[in-house]
Amino acid sequence: MQVKYAIFDMDGTLLDSMYVWDHVGQTVLQKHGISMPKELRKRMRNMTTEEVALYFQKLGMTEPVEDIIKEINEVPYERYLHEVQPKPGAVEFLHQLYRQGTPMCIVSSTDTSSIHAAFDRLQLTDLFSFILSANDFGSGKDRPEIFYEAARRLGGRPEETVVFEDALYSIRTAKTAG
């Protein structure tokens, strides 16, 4: 099958980086003297950073949402900048699609600065037409709008676009989008 347009998730799909997020919530909440509910770690994987910040406010953080978002993003940034590595075969596959002229983009729930930190270090940024963070877009990957927008920016239609994703909820959303 010839891939006409490609949308890639980053964490867990292209980069072996899911571990980076395992303790972000706990680290931020502990700093403020708040215990992290057991179910939150798993739920955070399906939330935008803004949704997490709002949830942290419900748990007792009093800072403005923008400040909480900044604090959340600072925790994983250093790991993206220095240590996160690509998944086996990912770089080769990206280069193959790039050589074939396939327009590609990133759609991720991770903040743009962390995405660039990793991709610039790994020399992957220039392979992509653009990077679309759910945090900047204002809608998570649980809604089809972000996939419609990515396909539109790539110049294709949803039915011509392949989405590479590791999270089941995002796969279902992408399928709904076409």
C-alpha atoms as a PDB file:
ATOM      1  CA  MET A   1       0.000   0.000   0.000  1.00  0.00           C
ATOM      2  CA  GLN A   2       1.306   3.428  -0.968  1.00  0.00           C
ATOM      3  CA  VAL A   3       0.995   5.920   1.878  1.00  0.00           C
ATOM      4  CA  LYS A   4      -0.206   9.217   0.377  1.00  0.00           C
ATOM      5  CA  TYR A   5      -0.196  11.302   3.593  1.00  0.00           C
ATOM      6  CA  ALA A   6       0.972  10.294   7.059  1.00  0.00           C
ATOM      7  CA  ILE A   7       0.092  11.536  10.528  1.00  0.00           C
ATOM      8  CA  PHE A   8       2.317  10.253  13.336  1.00  0.00           C
ATOM      9  CA  ASP A   9       1.865  10.198  17.068  1.00  0.00           C
ATOM     10  CA  MET A  10       5.140  10.710  18.914  1.00  0.00           C
ATOM     11  CA  ASP A  11       5.162   9.133  22.394  1.00  0.00           C
ATOM     12  CA  GLY A  12       5.087   5.358  22.203  1.00  0.00           C
ATOM     13  CA  THR A  13       4.865   5.358  18.398  1.00  0.00           C
ATOM     14  CA  LEU A  14       8.034   7.047  17.137  1.00  0.00           C
ATOM     15  CA  LEU A  15       9.824   7.569  20.436  1.00  0.00           C
ATOM     16  CA  ASP A  16      10.346   5.205  23.353  1.00  0.00           C
ATOM     17  CA  SER A  17       9.185   7.899  25.739  1.00  0.00           C
ATOM     18  CA  MET A  18       6.111   6.731  27.654  1.00  0.00           C
ATOM     19  CA  TYR A  19       8.240   6.268  30.777  1.00  0.00           C
ATOM     20  CA  VAL A  20       8.887  10.018  30.808  1.00  0.00           C
ATOM     21  CA  TRP A  21       5.275  10.641  31.814  1.00  0.00           C
ATOM     22  CA  ASP A  22       5.037   7.979  34.524  1.00  0.00           C
ATOM     23  CA  HIS A  23       5.950  10.313  37.373  1.00  0.00           C
ATOM     24  CA  VAL A  24       5.113  13.789  36.054  1.00  0.00           C
ATOM     25  CA  GLY A  25       1.823  14.075  37.925  1.00  0.00           C
ATOM     26  CA  GLN A  26       3.271  12.706  41.127  1.00  0.00           C
ATOM     27  CA  THR A  27       6.306  15.009  40.921  1.00  0.00           C
ATOM     28  CA  VAL A  28       4.218  18.155  40.410  1.00  0.00           C
ATOM     29  CA  LEU A  29       1.578  17.288  43.013  1.00  0.00           C
ATOM     30  CA  GLN A  30       4.117  16.259  45.671  1.00  0.00           C
ATOM     31  CA  LYS A  31       5.889  19.582  45.225  1.00  0.00           C
ATOM     32  CA  HIS A  32       2.611  21.186  46.327  1.00  0.00           C
ATOM     33  CA  GLY A  33       1.941  18.744  49.174  1.00  0.00           C
ATOM     34  CA  ILE A  34      -0.866  16.920  47.351  1.00  0.00           C
ATOM     35  CA  SER A  35      -1.147  13.142  47.101  1.00  0.00           C
ATOM     36  CA  MET A  36      -1.742  11.729  43.644  1.00  0.00           C
ATOM     37  CA  PRO A  37      -4.848   9.556  43.266  1.00  0.00           C
ATOM     38  CA  LYS A  38      -3.970   6.040  42.045  1.00  0.00           C
ATOM     39  CA  GLU A  39      -6.141   6.222  38.930  1.00  0.00           C
ATOM     40  CA  LEU A  40      -4.677   9.536  37.748  1.00  0.00           C
ATOM     41  CA  ARG A  41      -1.456   8.159  36.198  1.00  0.00           C
ATOM     42  CA  LYS A  42      -3.408   6.067  33.689  1.00  0.00           C
ATOM     43  CA  ARG A  43      -5.994   8.799  33.028  1.00  0.00           C
ATOM     44  CA  MET A  44      -3.290  11.390  32.332  1.00  0.00           C
ATOM     45  CA  ARG A  45      -2.230   9.538  29.180  1.00  0.00           C
ATOM     46  CA  ASN A  46      -5.567  10.446  27.569  1.00  0.00           C
ATOM     47  CA  MET A  47      -5.667  14.069  28.741  1.00  0.00           C
ATOM     48  CA  THR A  48      -4.241  17.273  27.314  1.00  0.00           C
ATOM     49  CA  THR A  49      -1.888  19.193  29.576  1.00  0.00           C
ATOM     50  CA  GLU A  50      -4.604  21.792  30.134  1.00  0.00           C
ATOM     51  CA  GLU A  51      -7.044  19.080  31.255  1.00  0.00           C
ATOM     52  CA  VAL A  52      -4.415  17.756  33.676  1.00  0.00           C
ATOM     53  CA  ALA A  53      -3.811  21.271  35.027  1.00  0.00           C
ATOM     54  CA  LEU A  54      -7.538  21.781  35.595  1.00  0.00           C
ATOM     55  CA  TYR A  55      -7.702  18.429  37.371  1.00  0.00           C
ATOM     56  CA  PHE A  56      -4.741  19.436  39.550  1.00  0.00           C
ATOM     57  CA  GLN A  57      -6.681  22.549  40.552  1.00  0.00           C
ATOM     58  CA  LYS A  58      -9.579  20.318  41.635  1.00  0.00           C
ATOM     59  CA  LEU A  59      -7.087  18.387  43.766  1.00  0.00           C
ATOM     60  CA  GLY A  60      -6.034  21.586  45.512  1.00  0.00           C
ATOM     61  CA  MET A  61      -3.416  23.420  43.446  1.00  0.00           C
ATOM     62  CA  THR A  62      -4.162  27.144  43.599  1.00  0.00           C
ATOM     63  CA  GLU A  63      -1.871  28.425  40.837  1.00  0.00           C
ATOM     64  CA  PRO A  64      -3.345  29.665  37.538  1.00  0.00           C
ATOM     65  CA  VAL A  65      -3.779  26.975  34.860  1.00  0.00           C
ATOM     66  CA  GLU A  66      -1.015  28.532  32.715  1.00  0.00           C
ATOM     67  CA  ASP A  67       1.488  28.227  35.573  1.00  0.00           C
ATOM     68  CA  ILE A  68       0.504  24.609  36.250  1.00  0.00           C
ATOM     69  CA  ILE A  69       0.889  23.777  32.544  1.00  0.00           C
ATOM     70  CA  LYS A  70       4.373  25.313  32.542  1.00  0.00           C
ATOM     71  CA  GLU A  71       5.324  23.306  35.621  1.00  0.00           C
ATOM     72  CA  ILE A  72       3.972  20.068  34.116  1.00  0.00           C
ATOM     73  CA  ASN A  73       5.907  20.628  30.872  1.00  0.00           C
ATOM     74  CA  GLU A  74       9.193  21.376  32.648  1.00  0.00           C
ATOM     75  CA  VAL A  75       9.351  17.914  34.239  1.00  0.00           C
ATOM     76  CA  PRO A  76       9.725  15.837  31.021  1.00  0.00           C
ATOM     77  CA  TYR A  77      11.491  18.480  28.900  1.00  0.00           C
ATOM     78  CA  GLU A  78      15.017  17.602  30.073  1.00  0.00           C
ATOM     79  CA  ARG A  79      14.468  13.931  29.276  1.00  0.00           C
ATOM     80  CA  TYR A  80      13.295  14.756  25.748  1.00  0.00           C
ATOM     81  CA  LEU A  81      16.259  17.079  25.335  1.00  0.00           C
ATOM     82  CA  HIS A  82      18.896  14.552  26.461  1.00  0.00           C
ATOM     83  CA  GLU A  83      17.807  10.924  26.644  1.00  0.00           C
ATOM     84  CA  VAL A  84      14.610   9.836  24.853  1.00  0.00           C
ATOM     85  CA  GLN A  85      15.397   7.497  21.943  1.00  0.00           C
ATOM     86  CA  PRO A  86      13.468   6.433  18.834  1.00  0.00           C
ATOM     87  CA  LYS A  87      11.574   3.161  18.719  1.00  0.00           C
ATOM     88  CA  PRO A  88      13.356   0.441  16.710  1.00  0.00           C
ATOM     89  CA  GLY A  89      12.813   0.928  12.977  1.00  0.00           C
ATOM     90  CA  ALA A  90      11.057   4.289  13.351  1.00  0.00           C
ATOM     91  CA  VAL A  91      13.825   6.501  11.949  1.00  0.00           C
ATOM     92  CA  GLU A  92      14.384   4.236   8.957  1.00  0.00           C
ATOM     93  CA  PHE A  93      10.647   4.169   8.187  1.00  0.00           C
ATOM     94  CA  LEU A  94      10.382   7.958   8.422  1.00  0.00           C
ATOM     95  CA  HIS A  95      13.335   8.391   6.060  1.00  0.00           C
ATOM     96  CA  GLN A  96      11.789   5.913   3.617  1.00  0.00           C
ATOM     97  CA  LEU A  97       8.500   7.841   3.532  1.00  0.00           C
ATOM     98  CA  TYR A  98      10.391  11.124   3.214  1.00  0.00           C
ATOM     99  CA  ARG A  99      12.423   9.801   0.248  1.00  0.00           C
ATOM    100  CA  GLN A 100       9.146   8.718  -1.382  1.00  0.00           C
ATOM    101  CA  GLY A 101       7.839  12.270  -1.035  1.00  0.00           C
ATOM    102  CA  THR A 102       5.099  11.404   1.453  1.00  0.00           C
ATOM    103  CA  PRO A 103       3.943  14.513   3.346  1.00  0.00           C
ATOM    104  CA  MET A 104       4.124  13.761   7.089  1.00  0.00           C
ATOM    105  CA  CYS A 105       3.250  15.532  10.300  1.00  0.00           C
ATOM    106  CA  ILE A 106       3.218  14.947  14.036  1.00  0.00           C
ATOM    107  CA  VAL A 107       0.010  15.088  16.089  1.00  0.00           C
ATOM    108  CA  SER A 108       0.871  14.722  19.754  1.00  0.00           C
ATOM    109  CA  SER A 109      -0.466  15.499  23.208  1.00  0.00           C
ATOM    110  CA  THR A 110       3.064  16.488  24.244  1.00  0.00           C
ATOM    111  CA  ASP A 111       3.931  20.185  24.299  1.00  0.00           C
ATOM    112  CA  THR A 112       5.692  21.626  21.268  1.00  0.00           C
ATOM    113  CA  SER A 113       8.920  22.519  23.095  1.00  0.00           C
ATOM    114  CA  SER A 114       9.464  18.909  24.223  1.00  0.00           C
ATOM    115  CA  ILE A 115       8.672  17.598  20.731  1.00  0.00           C
ATOM    116  CA  HIS A 116      11.255  19.948  19.219  1.00  0.00           C
ATOM    117  CA  ALA A 117      13.788  19.122  21.941  1.00  0.00           C
ATOM    118  CA  ALA A 118      13.725  15.439  21.000  1.00  0.00           C
ATOM    119  CA  PHE A 119      13.289  15.788  17.230  1.00  0.00           C
ATOM    120  CA  ASP A 120      15.960  18.475  16.858  1.00  0.00           C
ATOM    121  CA  ARG A 121      18.451  16.342  18.818  1.00  0.00           C
ATOM    122  CA  LEU A 122      17.569  13.249  16.756  1.00  0.00           C
ATOM    123  CA  GLN A 123      17.611  15.277  13.505  1.00  0.00           C
ATOM    124  CA  LEU A 124      14.013  14.359  12.642  1.00  0.00           C
ATOM    125  CA  THR A 125      12.290  17.760  12.638  1.00  0.00           C
ATOM    126  CA  ASP A 126      12.926  18.499   8.957  1.00  0.00           C
ATOM    127  CA  LEU A 127      11.203  15.269   7.882  1.00  0.00           C
ATOM    128  CA  PHE A 128       7.819  16.689   8.905  1.00  0.00           C
ATOM    129  CA  SER A 129       5.694  19.342   7.236  1.00  0.00           C
ATOM    130  CA  PHE A 130       4.553  20.546  10.662  1.00  0.00           C
ATOM    131  CA  ILE A 131       4.055  19.570  14.278  1.00  0.00           C
ATOM    132  CA  LEU A 132       0.594  19.890  15.815  1.00  0.00           C
ATOM    133  CA  SER A 133       0.405  19.685  19.589  1.00  0.00           C
ATOM    134  CA  ALA A 134      -3.030  19.040  21.057  1.00  0.00           C
ATOM    135  CA  ASN A 135      -2.125  21.634  23.679  1.00  0.00           C
ATOM    136  CA  ASP A 136      -1.693  24.326  21.010  1.00  0.00           C
ATOM    137  CA  PHE A 137      -4.673  23.162  18.947  1.00  0.00           C
ATOM    138  CA  GLY A 138      -7.002  23.256  21.939  1.00  0.00           C
ATOM    139  CA  SER A 139      -8.507  19.832  21.344  1.00  0.00           C
ATOM    140  CA  GLY A 140      -7.190  16.415  22.268  1.00  0.00           C
ATOM    141  CA  LYS A 141      -6.869  13.289  20.177  1.00  0.00           C
ATOM    142  CA  ASP A 142     -10.178  12.110  21.586  1.00  0.00           C
ATOM    143  CA  ARG A 143     -11.915  14.401  19.065  1.00  0.00           C
ATOM    144  CA  PRO A 144     -11.638  14.048  15.274  1.00  0.00           C
ATOM    145  CA  GLU A 145     -11.075  17.777  14.652  1.00  0.00           C
ATOM    146  CA  ILE A 146      -7.344  17.533  15.281  1.00  0.00           C
ATOM    147  CA  PHE A 147      -7.015  14.773  12.653  1.00  0.00           C
ATOM    148  CA  TYR A 148      -9.168  16.725  10.162  1.00  0.00           C
ATOM    149  CA  GLU A 149      -6.927  19.752  10.671  1.00  0.00           C
ATOM    150  CA  ALA A 150      -3.740  17.706  10.247  1.00  0.00           C
ATOM    151  CA  ALA A 151      -5.011  16.125   7.008  1.00  0.00           C
ATOM    152  CA  ARG A 152      -6.067  19.550   5.711  1.00  0.00           C
ATOM    153  CA  ARG A 153      -2.643  21.067   6.466  1.00  0.00           C
ATOM    154  CA  LEU A 154      -0.924  18.136   4.754  1.00  0.00           C
ATOM    155  CA  GLY A 155      -3.022  18.821   1.662  1.00  0.00           C
ATOM    156  CA  GLY A 156      -4.940  15.561   1.735  1.00  0.00           C
ATOM    157  CA  ARG A 157      -8.327  14.223   2.651  1.00  0.00           C
ATOM    158  CA  PRO A 158      -8.843  12.008   5.710  1.00  0.00           C
ATOM    159  CA  GLU A 159      -9.540   8.943   3.552  1.00  0.00           C
ATOM    160  CA  GLU A 160      -6.122   9.381   1.857  1.00  0.00           C
ATOM    161  CA  THR A 161      -4.263   9.721   5.135  1.00  0.00           C
ATOM    162  CA  VAL A 162      -2.749   7.004   7.317  1.00  0.00           C
ATOM    163  CA  VAL A 163      -2.512   7.647  11.056  1.00  0.00           C
ATOM    164  CA  PHE A 164       0.272   5.903  12.989  1.00  0.00           C
ATOM    165  CA  GLU A 165      -0.758   5.788  16.631  1.00  0.00           C
ATOM    166  CA  ASP A 166      -0.301   3.571  19.701  1.00  0.00           C
ATOM    167  CA  ALA A 167      -3.253   4.685  21.850  1.00  0.00           C
ATOM    168  CA  LEU A 168      -6.503   2.843  21.172  1.00  0.00           C
ATOM    169  CA  TYR A 169      -8.683   5.884  21.882  1.00  0.00           C
ATOM    170  CA  SER A 170      -6.725   7.908  19.285  1.00  0.00           C
ATOM    171  CA  ILE A 171      -6.929   5.097  16.747  1.00  0.00           C
ATOM    172  CA  ARG A 172     -10.703   5.026  17.187  1.00  0.00           C
ATOM    173  CA  THR A 173     -10.901   8.803  16.836  1.00  0.00           C
ATOM    174  CA  ALA A 174      -8.752   8.769  13.690  1.00  0.00           C
ATOM    175  CA  LYS A 175     -10.948   6.030  12.215  1.00  0.00           C
ATOM    176  CA  THR A 176     -14.023   8.141  12.956  1.00  0.00           C
ATOM    177  CA  ALA A 177     -12.329  11.032  11.138  1.00  0.00           C
ATOM    178  CA  GLY A 178     -12.037   8.911   8.012  1.00  0.00           C
END
